[in-house]
Protein backbone atom coordinates (compact mmCIF):
# COMPACT_ATOMS: atom_id res chain seq x y z
CA MET A 1 -53.14 -37.05 -17.69
CA GLU A 2 -54.05 -39.48 -20.47
CA VAL A 3 -51.03 -41.04 -22.25
CA PHE A 4 -51.27 -42.20 -25.88
CA LYS A 5 -48.45 -44.32 -27.30
CA VAL A 6 -48.31 -43.80 -31.05
CA SER A 7 -46.59 -46.08 -33.55
CA ALA A 8 -45.82 -45.62 -37.22
CA ARG A 9 -48.89 -47.77 -37.95
CA SER A 10 -51.28 -45.78 -35.74
CA ARG A 11 -54.24 -44.20 -37.53
CA SER A 12 -53.79 -40.47 -37.05
CA THR A 13 -57.54 -39.78 -37.20
CA SER A 14 -58.24 -42.32 -34.44
CA VAL A 15 -55.53 -40.88 -32.22
CA ALA A 16 -56.83 -37.37 -32.99
CA GLY A 17 -60.33 -38.29 -31.88
CA ALA A 18 -59.00 -39.74 -28.62
CA ILE A 19 -56.89 -36.63 -27.96
CA ALA A 20 -59.82 -34.31 -28.69
CA GLY A 21 -62.08 -36.28 -26.36
CA VAL A 22 -59.64 -36.00 -23.46
CA ILE A 23 -59.02 -32.29 -24.05
CA ARG A 24 -62.78 -31.60 -24.20
CA GLU A 25 -63.05 -33.13 -20.70
CA GLY A 26 -60.47 -30.57 -19.51
CA THR A 27 -57.68 -33.11 -19.02
CA PRO A 28 -54.26 -32.67 -20.64
CA ALA A 29 -53.11 -35.41 -23.03
CA GLU A 30 -49.66 -36.81 -23.63
CA VAL A 31 -48.49 -38.45 -26.85
CA GLN A 32 -45.34 -40.60 -26.88
CA ALA A 33 -43.61 -41.74 -30.05
CA ILE A 34 -40.33 -43.48 -30.88
CA GLY A 35 -38.93 -43.17 -34.39
CA ALA A 36 -39.56 -40.90 -37.33
CA GLY A 37 -42.69 -42.69 -38.58
CA ALA A 38 -44.29 -42.67 -35.14
CA VAL A 39 -43.45 -39.01 -34.55
CA ASN A 40 -44.94 -38.19 -37.96
CA GLN A 41 -48.22 -39.94 -37.06
CA ALA A 42 -48.28 -38.24 -33.65
CA VAL A 43 -47.81 -34.75 -35.11
CA LYS A 44 -50.49 -35.40 -37.75
CA ALA A 45 -52.86 -36.63 -35.03
CA ILE A 46 -52.28 -33.47 -32.97
CA ALA A 47 -52.90 -31.26 -36.01
CA ILE A 48 -56.14 -33.12 -36.79
CA ALA A 49 -57.24 -32.96 -33.12
CA ARG A 50 -56.62 -29.21 -33.14
CA GLY A 51 -59.01 -28.93 -36.09
CA PHE A 52 -61.65 -31.00 -34.27
CA LEU A 53 -61.32 -28.83 -31.16
CA ALA A 54 -61.37 -25.55 -33.11
CA ARG A 55 -64.94 -26.34 -34.19
CA ASP A 56 -65.86 -26.17 -30.49
CA GLY A 57 -63.84 -23.00 -29.89
CA ILE A 58 -61.17 -24.87 -27.93
CA GLU A 59 -57.53 -23.88 -28.45
CA VAL A 60 -54.58 -26.04 -27.39
CA VAL A 61 -50.89 -25.65 -26.63
CA CYS A 62 -48.30 -28.35 -27.40
CA VAL A 63 -45.12 -28.85 -25.38
CA PRO A 64 -42.55 -31.22 -26.93
CA THR A 65 -39.87 -32.91 -24.79
CA PHE A 66 -37.71 -36.01 -24.77
CA VAL A 67 -38.31 -38.83 -22.31
CA GLU A 68 -36.52 -42.09 -21.61
CA VAL A 69 -38.83 -45.11 -21.74
CA GLU A 70 -38.08 -48.77 -21.09
CA ILE A 71 -39.11 -51.26 -23.76
CA GLU A 72 -38.32 -54.95 -23.31
CA GLY A 73 -35.57 -54.12 -20.83
CA HIS A 74 -33.90 -51.47 -23.02
CA GLU A 75 -34.00 -47.71 -22.53
CA ARG A 76 -35.15 -45.77 -25.58
CA THR A 77 -35.53 -42.04 -26.15
CA ALA A 78 -39.08 -41.06 -27.09
CA VAL A 79 -40.57 -37.78 -28.17
CA LYS A 80 -43.27 -36.76 -25.69
CA ILE A 81 -45.74 -34.07 -26.69
CA THR A 82 -48.05 -32.73 -24.00
CA ILE A 83 -51.29 -31.22 -25.33
CA LEU A 84 -53.24 -28.92 -23.02
CA ARG A 85 -55.47 -25.89 -22.96
CA PRO A 86 -53.84 -22.47 -22.48
CA GLY A 87 -53.63 -21.61 -18.78
CA GLN A 88 -53.23 -25.20 -17.60
CA PRO A 89 -49.96 -25.91 -15.75
CA LEU A 90 -47.11 -26.81 -18.07
CA PRO A 91 -45.25 -30.10 -17.58
CA PRO A 92 -41.86 -29.90 -15.84
CA VAL A 93 -38.80 -29.46 -18.05
CA THR A 94 -36.03 -32.06 -17.83
CA PRO A 95 -32.73 -30.41 -18.75
CA LEU A 96 -30.64 -32.08 -21.44
CA PRO A 97 -27.38 -33.56 -20.16
CA ARG A 98 -24.15 -31.75 -20.97
CA SER A 99 -21.64 -33.57 -23.17
CA SER A 100 -19.37 -34.12 -20.16
CA ASP A 101 -22.22 -35.69 -18.14
CA SER A 102 -23.21 -38.52 -20.43
CA ALA A 103 -23.07 -40.15 -23.82
CA GLU A 104 -26.78 -39.54 -24.43
CA PRO A 105 -28.05 -38.76 -27.94
CA HIS A 106 -28.10 -35.04 -27.13
CA ALA A 107 -24.50 -34.90 -25.92
CA ASP A 108 -23.35 -33.11 -29.07
CA LEU A 109 -25.60 -30.10 -28.39
CA PRO A 110 -23.81 -26.89 -27.36
CA ASP A 111 -23.83 -25.87 -23.70
CA GLU A 112 -25.40 -22.53 -24.56
CA GLU A 113 -28.25 -21.58 -26.81
CA PRO A 114 -27.13 -20.03 -30.11
CA GLN A 115 -27.61 -16.31 -30.54
CA VAL A 116 -30.18 -15.45 -33.21
């Protein structure tokens, strides 16, 4: 799987072209971003890549998750978005910690999903 690390200064069209190229080869892509600006650029790049791929009749599925990454000796929470073709195996799901397990950023989430 090809991993693209996106920053707030990344050019979304350049990232989109790279994503589309990997997907055309049949390989899933992964985009990682830390911070609102970086996540914004990553989502725009995925939307643009989807348009590029649609011209070739290729559809994609996106699976967002959180991942802990180490940067300069510090752990940071990144948004990871896996982009793949329908029918390809989905990435494994890492459960969020419960509030009693840790003081992670997601500790304030309820233990159960809300009823809609």
